Amino acid sequence: MFREKYIVTEECDRMGCRLDGPSLESVRELGRLPSIPTDRGCVQIPPSGKPILLLSDSQTMGGYAVASHVIELDLVILKLREN
């Protein structure tokens, strides 16, 4: 995931943004995991293998793999680019 480029898609709201890029096949095999705490900036990988960046109004618990976490400064930059 860290060597690939992902683009924020139009499927974006206050809960999260879908990212377009290579599907993460190895994570897909994990399926649903026990629920763990999530917060703004978590990058979850659902069964589709397409990452979702969680934002301000996202759920606080999730059962998908969390592949990464985006730092607050980068979330601010993302917000500025939206406008």
PDB file of N, CA and C in Angstrom:
ATOM      1  N   MET A   1       0.823  -1.193   0.000  1.00  0.00           N
ATOM      2  CA  MET A   1       0.000   0.000   0.000  1.00  0.00           C
ATOM      3  C   MET A   1       0.865   1.254   0.000  1.00  0.00           C
ATOM      4  N   PHE A   2       2.007   1.213   0.660  1.00  0.00           N
ATOM      5  CA  PHE A   2       2.787   2.427   0.829  1.00  0.00           C
ATOM      6  C   PHE A   2       3.596   2.799  -0.403  1.00  0.00           C
ATOM      7  N   ARG A   3       3.683   1.893  -1.363  1.00  0.00           N
ATOM      8  CA  ARG A   3       4.416   2.193  -2.596  1.00  0.00           C
ATOM      9  C   ARG A   3       3.480   2.580  -3.730  1.00  0.00           C
ATOM     10  N   GLU A   4       2.206   2.440  -3.516  1.00  0.00           N
ATOM     11  CA  GLU A   4       1.219   2.713  -4.556  1.00  0.00           C
ATOM     12  C   GLU A   4       0.607   4.099  -4.366  1.00  0.00           C
ATOM     13  N   LYS A   5       0.014   4.605  -5.440  1.00  0.00           N
ATOM     14  CA  LYS A   5      -0.653   5.902  -5.389  1.00  0.00           C
ATOM     15  C   LYS A   5      -2.156   5.672  -5.313  1.00  0.00           C
ATOM     16  N   TYR A   6      -2.805   6.343  -4.380  1.00  0.00           N
ATOM     17  CA  TYR A   6      -4.256   6.273  -4.229  1.00  0.00           C
ATOM     18  C   TYR A   6      -4.821   7.674  -4.377  1.00  0.00           C
ATOM     19  N   ILE A   7      -5.987   7.752  -5.014  1.00  0.00           N
ATOM     20  CA  ILE A   7      -6.646   9.027  -5.275  1.00  0.00           C
ATOM     21  C   ILE A   7      -7.985   9.037  -4.563  1.00  0.00           C
ATOM     22  N   VAL A   8      -8.324  10.169  -3.934  1.00  0.00           N
ATOM     23  CA  VAL A   8      -9.628  10.320  -3.290  1.00  0.00           C
ATOM     24  C   VAL A   8     -10.683  10.401  -4.384  1.00  0.00           C
ATOM     25  N   THR A   9     -11.716   9.556  -4.298  1.00  0.00           N
ATOM     26  CA  THR A   9     -12.768   9.537  -5.315  1.00  0.00           C
ATOM     27  C   THR A   9     -13.855  10.554  -4.984  1.00  0.00           C
ATOM     28  N   GLU A  10     -14.854  10.630  -5.844  1.00  0.00           N
ATOM     29  CA  GLU A  10     -16.011  11.497  -5.612  1.00  0.00           C
ATOM     30  C   GLU A  10     -16.894  10.963  -4.489  1.00  0.00           C
ATOM     31  N   GLU A  11     -16.723   9.686  -4.139  1.00  0.00           N
ATOM     32  CA  GLU A  11     -17.496   9.089  -3.043  1.00  0.00           C
ATOM     33  C   GLU A  11     -16.877   9.528  -1.725  1.00  0.00           C
ATOM     34  N   CYS A  12     -17.222  10.743  -1.328  1.00  0.00           N
ATOM     35  CA  CYS A  12     -16.599  11.355  -0.165  1.00  0.00           C
ATOM     36  C   CYS A  12     -17.639  12.194   0.570  1.00  0.00           C
ATOM     37  N   ASP A  13     -17.738  11.996   1.868  1.00  0.00           N
ATOM     38  CA  ASP A  13     -18.613  12.821   2.699  1.00  0.00           C
ATOM     39  C   ASP A  13     -17.950  12.975   4.060  1.00  0.00           C
ATOM     40  N   ARG A  14     -18.690  13.476   5.048  1.00  0.00           N
ATOM     41  CA  ARG A  14     -18.092  13.708   6.372  1.00  0.00           C
ATOM     42  C   ARG A  14     -17.729  12.407   7.097  1.00  0.00           C
ATOM     43  N   MET A  15     -18.281  11.286   6.647  1.00  0.00           N
ATOM     44  CA  MET A  15     -17.962  10.000   7.279  1.00  0.00           C
ATOM     45  C   MET A  15     -16.660   9.407   6.744  1.00  0.00           C
ATOM     46  N   GLY A  16     -16.423   9.574   5.441  1.00  0.00           N
ATOM     47  CA  GLY A  16     -15.217   8.995   4.871  1.00  0.00           C
ATOM     48  C   GLY A  16     -15.099   9.218   3.385  1.00  0.00           C
ATOM     49  N   CYS A  17     -13.954   8.841   2.853  1.00  0.00           N
ATOM     50  CA  CYS A  17     -13.673   8.952   1.418  1.00  0.00           C
ATOM     51  C   CYS A  17     -13.162   7.609   0.922  1.00  0.00           C
ATOM     52  N   ARG A  18     -13.725   7.171  -0.187  1.00  0.00           N
ATOM     53  CA  ARG A  18     -13.195   5.970  -0.828  1.00  0.00           C
ATOM     54  C   ARG A  18     -11.956   6.373  -1.613  1.00  0.00           C
ATOM     55  N   LEU A  19     -10.969   5.500  -1.593  1.00  0.00           N
ATOM     56  CA  LEU A  19      -9.726   5.746  -2.315  1.00  0.00           C
ATOM     57  C   LEU A  19      -9.651   4.815  -3.508  1.00  0.00           C
ATOM     58  N   ASP A  20      -9.194   5.362  -4.639  1.00  0.00           N
ATOM     59  CA  ASP A  20      -9.060   4.567  -5.854  1.00  0.00           C
ATOM     60  C   ASP A  20      -7.587   4.268  -6.086  1.00  0.00           C
ATOM     61  N   GLY A  21      -7.303   3.012  -6.300  1.00  0.00           N
ATOM     62  CA  GLY A  21      -5.940   2.556  -6.539  1.00  0.00           C
ATOM     63  C   GLY A  21      -5.959   1.042  -6.564  1.00  0.00           C
ATOM     64  N   PRO A  22      -4.808   0.434  -6.508  1.00  0.00           N
ATOM     65  CA  PRO A  22      -4.758  -1.031  -6.533  1.00  0.00           C
ATOM     66  C   PRO A  22      -5.529  -1.644  -5.363  1.00  0.00           C
ATOM     67  N   SER A  23      -6.258  -2.702  -5.654  1.00  0.00           N
ATOM     68  CA  SER A  23      -6.983  -3.429  -4.611  1.00  0.00           C
ATOM     69  C   SER A  23      -5.978  -4.172  -3.741  1.00  0.00           C
ATOM     70  N   LEU A  24      -6.215  -4.156  -2.457  1.00  0.00           N
ATOM     71  CA  LEU A  24      -5.313  -4.824  -1.518  1.00  0.00           C
ATOM     72  C   LEU A  24      -5.790  -6.249  -1.294  1.00  0.00           C
ATOM     73  N   GLU A  25      -5.395  -7.127  -2.205  1.00  0.00           N
ATOM     74  CA  GLU A  25      -5.857  -8.515  -2.198  1.00  0.00           C
ATOM     75  C   GLU A  25      -5.498  -9.257  -0.915  1.00  0.00           C
ATOM     76  N   SER A  26      -4.306  -9.046  -0.400  1.00  0.00           N
ATOM     77  CA  SER A  26      -3.885  -9.798   0.791  1.00  0.00           C
ATOM     78  C   SER A  26      -4.754  -9.471   1.998  1.00  0.00           C
ATOM     79  N   VAL A  27      -5.234  -8.246   2.087  1.00  0.00           N
ATOM     80  CA  VAL A  27      -6.096  -7.859   3.205  1.00  0.00           C
ATOM     81  C   VAL A  27      -7.497  -8.412   3.001  1.00  0.00           C
ATOM     82  N   ARG A  28      -7.918  -8.536   1.765  1.00  0.00           N
ATOM     83  CA  ARG A  28      -9.252  -9.075   1.477  1.00  0.00           C
ATOM     84  C   ARG A  28      -9.437 -10.455   2.089  1.00  0.00           C
ATOM     85  N   GLU A  29      -8.375 -11.237   2.110  1.00  0.00           N
ATOM     86  CA  GLU A  29      -8.460 -12.599   2.631  1.00  0.00           C
ATOM     87  C   GLU A  29      -8.754 -12.634   4.127  1.00  0.00           C
ATOM     88  N   LEU A  30      -8.487 -11.542   4.826  1.00  0.00           N
ATOM     89  CA  LEU A  30      -8.739 -11.504   6.266  1.00  0.00           C
ATOM     90  C   LEU A  30     -10.227 -11.488   6.595  1.00  0.00           C
ATOM     91  N   GLY A  31     -11.025 -10.900   5.678  1.00  0.00           N
ATOM     92  CA  GLY A  31     -12.460 -10.792   5.929  1.00  0.00           C
ATOM     93  C   GLY A  31     -12.731  -9.863   7.100  1.00  0.00           C
ATOM     94  N   ARG A  32     -13.838 -10.104   7.782  1.00  0.00           N
ATOM     95  CA  ARG A  32     -14.182  -9.267   8.930  1.00  0.00           C
ATOM     96  C   ARG A  32     -13.350  -9.687  10.136  1.00  0.00           C
ATOM     97  N   LEU A  33     -12.916  -8.699  10.874  1.00  0.00           N
ATOM     98  CA  LEU A  33     -12.116  -8.917  12.068  1.00  0.00           C
ATOM     99  C   LEU A  33     -12.931  -8.514  13.291  1.00  0.00           C
ATOM    100  N   PRO A  34     -12.481  -8.859  14.484  1.00  0.00           N
ATOM    101  CA  PRO A  34     -13.175  -8.358  15.680  1.00  0.00           C
ATOM    102  C   PRO A  34     -13.204  -6.833  15.654  1.00  0.00           C
ATOM    103  N   SER A  35     -14.274  -6.250  16.152  1.00  0.00           N
ATOM    104  CA  SER A  35     -14.392  -4.791  16.160  1.00  0.00           C
ATOM    105  C   SER A  35     -13.281  -4.167  16.994  1.00  0.00           C
ATOM    106  N   ILE A  36     -12.710  -3.105  16.444  1.00  0.00           N
ATOM    107  CA  ILE A  36     -11.666  -2.354  17.140  1.00  0.00           C
ATOM    108  C   ILE A  36     -12.011  -0.871  17.072  1.00  0.00           C
ATOM    109  N   PRO A  37     -11.496  -0.067  17.998  1.00  0.00           N
ATOM    110  CA  PRO A  37     -11.748   1.374  17.933  1.00  0.00           C
ATOM    111  C   PRO A  37     -11.141   1.971  16.661  1.00  0.00           C
ATOM    112  N   THR A  38     -11.856   2.907  16.078  1.00  0.00           N
ATOM    113  CA  THR A  38     -11.358   3.644  14.919  1.00  0.00           C
ATOM    114  C   THR A  38     -11.544   5.126  15.192  1.00  0.00           C
ATOM    115  N   ASP A  39     -10.830   5.942  14.457  1.00  0.00           N
ATOM    116  CA  ASP A  39     -11.011   7.381  14.585  1.00  0.00           C
ATOM    117  C   ASP A  39     -10.675   8.058  13.265  1.00  0.00           C
ATOM    118  N   ARG A  40     -10.838   9.346  13.262  1.00  0.00           N
ATOM    119  CA  ARG A  40     -10.552  10.169  12.090  1.00  0.00           C
ATOM    120  C   ARG A  40      -9.117   9.901  11.634  1.00  0.00           C
ATOM    121  N   GLY A  41      -8.965   9.596  10.355  1.00  0.00           N
ATOM    122  CA  GLY A  41      -7.643   9.353   9.793  1.00  0.00           C
ATOM    123  C   GLY A  41      -7.316   7.884   9.572  1.00  0.00           C
ATOM    124  N   CYS A  42      -8.093   6.977  10.175  1.00  0.00           N
ATOM    125  CA  CYS A  42      -7.857   5.547   9.946  1.00  0.00           C
ATOM    126  C   CYS A  42      -8.157   5.208   8.488  1.00  0.00           C
ATOM    127  N   VAL A  43      -7.374   4.315   7.922  1.00  0.00           N
ATOM    128  CA  VAL A  43      -7.623   3.810   6.574  1.00  0.00           C
ATOM    129  C   VAL A  43      -8.047   2.354   6.722  1.00  0.00           C
ATOM    130  N   GLN A  44      -9.350   2.113   6.522  1.00  0.00           N
ATOM    131  CA  GLN A  44      -9.896   0.761   6.639  1.00  0.00           C
ATOM    132  C   GLN A  44      -9.904   0.077   5.277  1.00  0.00           C
ATOM    133  N   ILE A  45      -9.777  -1.253   5.313  1.00  0.00           N
ATOM    134  CA  ILE A  45      -9.830  -2.043   4.087  1.00  0.00           C
ATOM    135  C   ILE A  45     -11.025  -2.988   4.184  1.00  0.00           C
ATOM    136  N   PRO A  46     -12.128  -2.659   3.475  1.00  0.00           N
ATOM    137  CA  PRO A  46     -13.295  -3.544   3.470  1.00  0.00           C
ATOM    138  C   PRO A  46     -13.044  -4.754   2.560  1.00  0.00           C
ATOM    139  N   PRO A  47     -13.982  -5.700   2.498  1.00  0.00           N
ATOM    140  CA  PRO A  47     -13.795  -6.894   1.660  1.00  0.00           C
ATOM    141  C   PRO A  47     -13.500  -6.604   0.185  1.00  0.00           C
ATOM    142  N   SER A  48     -13.928  -5.449  -0.322  1.00  0.00           N
ATOM    143  CA  SER A  48     -13.649  -5.100  -1.721  1.00  0.00           C
ATOM    144  C   SER A  48     -12.157  -4.895  -1.969  1.00  0.00           C
ATOM    145  N   GLY A  49     -11.392  -4.646  -0.900  1.00  0.00           N
ATOM    146  CA  GLY A  49      -9.965  -4.375  -1.046  1.00  0.00           C
ATOM    147  C   GLY A  49      -9.656  -2.932  -1.379  1.00  0.00           C
ATOM    148  N   LYS A  50     -10.703  -2.097  -1.531  1.00  0.00           N
ATOM    149  CA  LYS A  50     -10.521  -0.679  -1.855  1.00  0.00           C
ATOM    150  C   LYS A  50     -10.552   0.140  -0.564  1.00  0.00           C
ATOM    151  N   PRO A  51      -9.475   0.844  -0.227  1.00  0.00           N
ATOM    152  CA  PRO A  51      -9.375   1.553   1.048  1.00  0.00           C
ATOM    153  C   PRO A  51     -10.420   2.653   1.226  1.00  0.00           C
ATOM    154  N   ILE A  52     -10.770   2.879   2.493  1.00  0.00           N
ATOM    155  CA  ILE A  52     -11.670   3.963   2.883  1.00  0.00           C
ATOM    156  C   ILE A  52     -10.964   4.772   3.967  1.00  0.00           C
ATOM    157  N   LEU A  53     -10.834   6.073   3.744  1.00  0.00           N
ATOM    158  CA  LEU A  53     -10.255   6.986   4.722  1.00  0.00           C
ATOM    159  C   LEU A  53     -11.380   7.499   5.610  1.00  0.00           C
ATOM    160  N   LEU A  54     -11.312   7.216   6.901  1.00  0.00           N
ATOM    161  CA  LEU A  54     -12.355   7.652   7.825  1.00  0.00           C
ATOM    162  C   LEU A  54     -12.151   9.117   8.191  1.00  0.00           C
ATOM    163  N   LEU A  55     -13.280   9.854   8.233  1.00  0.00           N
ATOM    164  CA  LEU A  55     -13.226  11.283   8.523  1.00  0.00           C
ATOM    165  C   LEU A  55     -14.013  11.617   9.793  1.00  0.00           C
ATOM    166  N   SER A  56     -14.360  12.885   9.968  1.00  0.00           N
ATOM    167  CA  SER A  56     -14.909  13.411  11.221  1.00  0.00           C
ATOM    168  C   SER A  56     -16.125  12.679  11.765  1.00  0.00           C
ATOM    169  N   ASP A  57     -17.066  12.305  10.920  1.00  0.00           N
ATOM    170  CA  ASP A  57     -18.309  11.686  11.390  1.00  0.00           C
ATOM    171  C   ASP A  57     -18.321  10.173  11.199  1.00  0.00           C
ATOM    172  N   SER A  58     -17.162   9.558  11.158  1.00  0.00           N
ATOM    173  CA  SER A  58     -17.103   8.105  10.957  1.00  0.00           C
ATOM    174  C   SER A  58     -17.496   7.367  12.230  1.00  0.00           C
ATOM    175  N   GLN A  59     -17.728   6.078  12.061  1.00  0.00           N
ATOM    176  CA  GLN A  59     -18.046   5.248  13.220  1.00  0.00           C
ATOM    177  C   GLN A  59     -16.849   5.210  14.168  1.00  0.00           C
ATOM    178  N   THR A  60     -17.095   4.835  15.418  1.00  0.00           N
ATOM    179  CA  THR A  60     -16.011   4.766  16.398  1.00  0.00           C
ATOM    180  C   THR A  60     -15.491   3.346  16.590  1.00  0.00           C
ATOM    181  N   MET A  61     -16.192   2.365  16.035  1.00  0.00           N
ATOM    182  CA  MET A  61     -15.762   0.966  16.087  1.00  0.00           C
ATOM    183  C   MET A  61     -15.891   0.388  14.685  1.00  0.00           C
ATOM    184  N   GLY A  62     -14.984  -0.495  14.323  1.00  0.00           N
ATOM    185  CA  GLY A  62     -15.066  -1.099  13.000  1.00  0.00           C
ATOM    186  C   GLY A  62     -14.489  -2.497  12.987  1.00  0.00           C
ATOM    187  N   GLY A  63     -14.975  -3.307  12.053  1.00  0.00           N
ATOM    188  CA  GLY A  63     -14.534  -4.693  11.954  1.00  0.00           C
ATOM    189  C   GLY A  63     -13.693  -4.988  10.728  1.00  0.00           C
ATOM    190  N   TYR A  64     -13.223  -3.950  10.040  1.00  0.00           N
ATOM    191  CA  TYR A  64     -12.345  -4.151   8.894  1.00  0.00           C
ATOM    192  C   TYR A  64     -10.900  -3.920   9.318  1.00  0.00           C
ATOM    193  N   ALA A  65      -9.987  -4.466   8.538  1.00  0.00           N
ATOM    194  CA  ALA A  65      -8.566  -4.239   8.812  1.00  0.00           C
ATOM    195  C   ALA A  65      -8.252  -2.752   8.689  1.00  0.00           C
ATOM    196  N   VAL A  66      -7.410  -2.245   9.571  1.00  0.00           N
ATOM    197  CA  VAL A  66      -6.929  -0.866   9.493  1.00  0.00           C
ATOM    198  C   VAL A  66      -5.492  -0.940   9.002  1.00  0.00           C
ATOM    199  N   ALA A  67      -5.280  -0.438   7.785  1.00  0.00           N
ATOM    200  CA  ALA A  67      -3.973  -0.574   7.140  1.00  0.00           C
ATOM    201  C   ALA A  67      -3.020   0.561   7.481  1.00  0.00           C
ATOM    202  N   SER A  68      -3.586   1.709   7.839  1.00  0.00           N
ATOM    203  CA  SER A  68      -2.737   2.877   8.036  1.00  0.00           C
ATOM    204  C   SER A  68      -3.524   3.936   8.789  1.00  0.00           C
ATOM    205  N   HIS A  69      -2.851   5.041   9.075  1.00  0.00           N
ATOM    206  CA  HIS A  69      -3.501   6.186   9.705  1.00  0.00           C
ATOM    207  C   HIS A  69      -2.913   7.441   9.087  1.00  0.00           C
ATOM    208  N   VAL A  70      -3.777   8.339   8.622  1.00  0.00           N
ATOM    209  CA  VAL A  70      -3.354   9.593   8.004  1.00  0.00           C
ATOM    210  C   VAL A  70      -3.223  10.638   9.112  1.00  0.00           C
ATOM    211  N   ILE A  71      -2.097  11.346   9.154  1.00  0.00           N
ATOM    212  CA  ILE A  71      -1.882  12.336  10.206  1.00  0.00           C
ATOM    213  C   ILE A  71      -2.795  13.544  10.010  1.00  0.00           C
ATOM    214  N   GLU A  72      -3.049  14.255  11.103  1.00  0.00           N
ATOM    215  CA  GLU A  72      -3.987  15.381  11.113  1.00  0.00           C
ATOM    216  C   GLU A  72      -3.623  16.446  10.084  1.00  0.00           C
ATOM    217  N   LEU A  73      -2.350  16.781   9.943  1.00  0.00           N
ATOM    218  CA  LEU A  73      -1.935  17.804   8.983  1.00  0.00           C
ATOM    219  C   LEU A  73      -2.350  17.429   7.565  1.00  0.00           C
ATOM    220  N   ASP A  74      -2.194  16.171   7.191  1.00  0.00           N
ATOM    221  CA  ASP A  74      -2.595  15.737   5.854  1.00  0.00           C
ATOM    222  C   ASP A  74      -4.106  15.760   5.686  1.00  0.00           C
ATOM    223  N   LEU A  75      -4.853  15.514   6.767  1.00  0.00           N
ATOM    224  CA  LEU A  75      -6.315  15.615   6.689  1.00  0.00           C
ATOM    225  C   LEU A  75      -6.730  17.065   6.450  1.00  0.00           C
ATOM    226  N   VAL A  76      -6.025  18.011   7.057  1.00  0.00           N
ATOM    227  CA  VAL A  76      -6.300  19.437   6.842  1.00  0.00           C
ATOM    228  C   VAL A  76      -6.018  19.800   5.388  1.00  0.00           C
ATOM    229  N   ILE A  77      -4.923  19.305   4.835  1.00  0.00           N
ATOM    230  CA  ILE A  77      -4.586  19.570   3.428  1.00  0.00           C
ATOM    231  C   ILE A  77      -5.666  18.999   2.517  1.00  0.00           C
ATOM    232  N   LEU A  78      -6.150  17.796   2.815  1.00  0.00           N
ATOM    233  CA  LEU A  78      -7.231  17.188   2.036  1.00  0.00           C
ATOM    234  C   LEU A  78      -8.470  18.078   2.072  1.00  0.00           C
ATOM    235  N   LYS A  79      -8.809  18.596   3.232  1.00  0.00           N
ATOM    236  CA  LYS A  79      -9.982  19.465   3.382  1.00  0.00           C
ATOM    237  C   LYS A  79      -9.809  20.739   2.563  1.00  0.00           C
ATOM    238  N   LEU A  80      -8.623  21.325   2.575  1.00  0.00           N
ATOM    239  CA  LEU A  80      -8.372  22.543   1.807  1.00  0.00           C
ATOM    240  C   LEU A  80      -8.507  22.293   0.311  1.00  0.00           C
ATOM    241  N   ARG A  81      -8.098  21.136  -0.153  1.00  0.00           N
ATOM    242  CA  ARG A  81      -8.204  20.812  -1.581  1.00  0.00           C
ATOM    243  C   ARG A  81      -9.645  20.601  -2.004  1.00  0.00           C
ATOM    244  N   GLU A  82     -10.506  20.185  -1.068  1.00  0.00           N
ATOM    245  CA  GLU A  82     -11.927  19.999  -1.382  1.00  0.00           C
ATOM    246  C   GLU A  82     -12.575  21.321  -1.759  1.00  0.00           C
ATOM    247  N   ASN A  83     -12.150  22.388  -1.108  1.00  0.00           N
ATOM    248  CA  ASN A  83     -12.799  23.706  -1.295  1.00  0.00           C
ATOM    249  C   ASN A  83     -12.310  24.411  -2.492  1.00  0.00           C
TER     250      ASN A  83
END
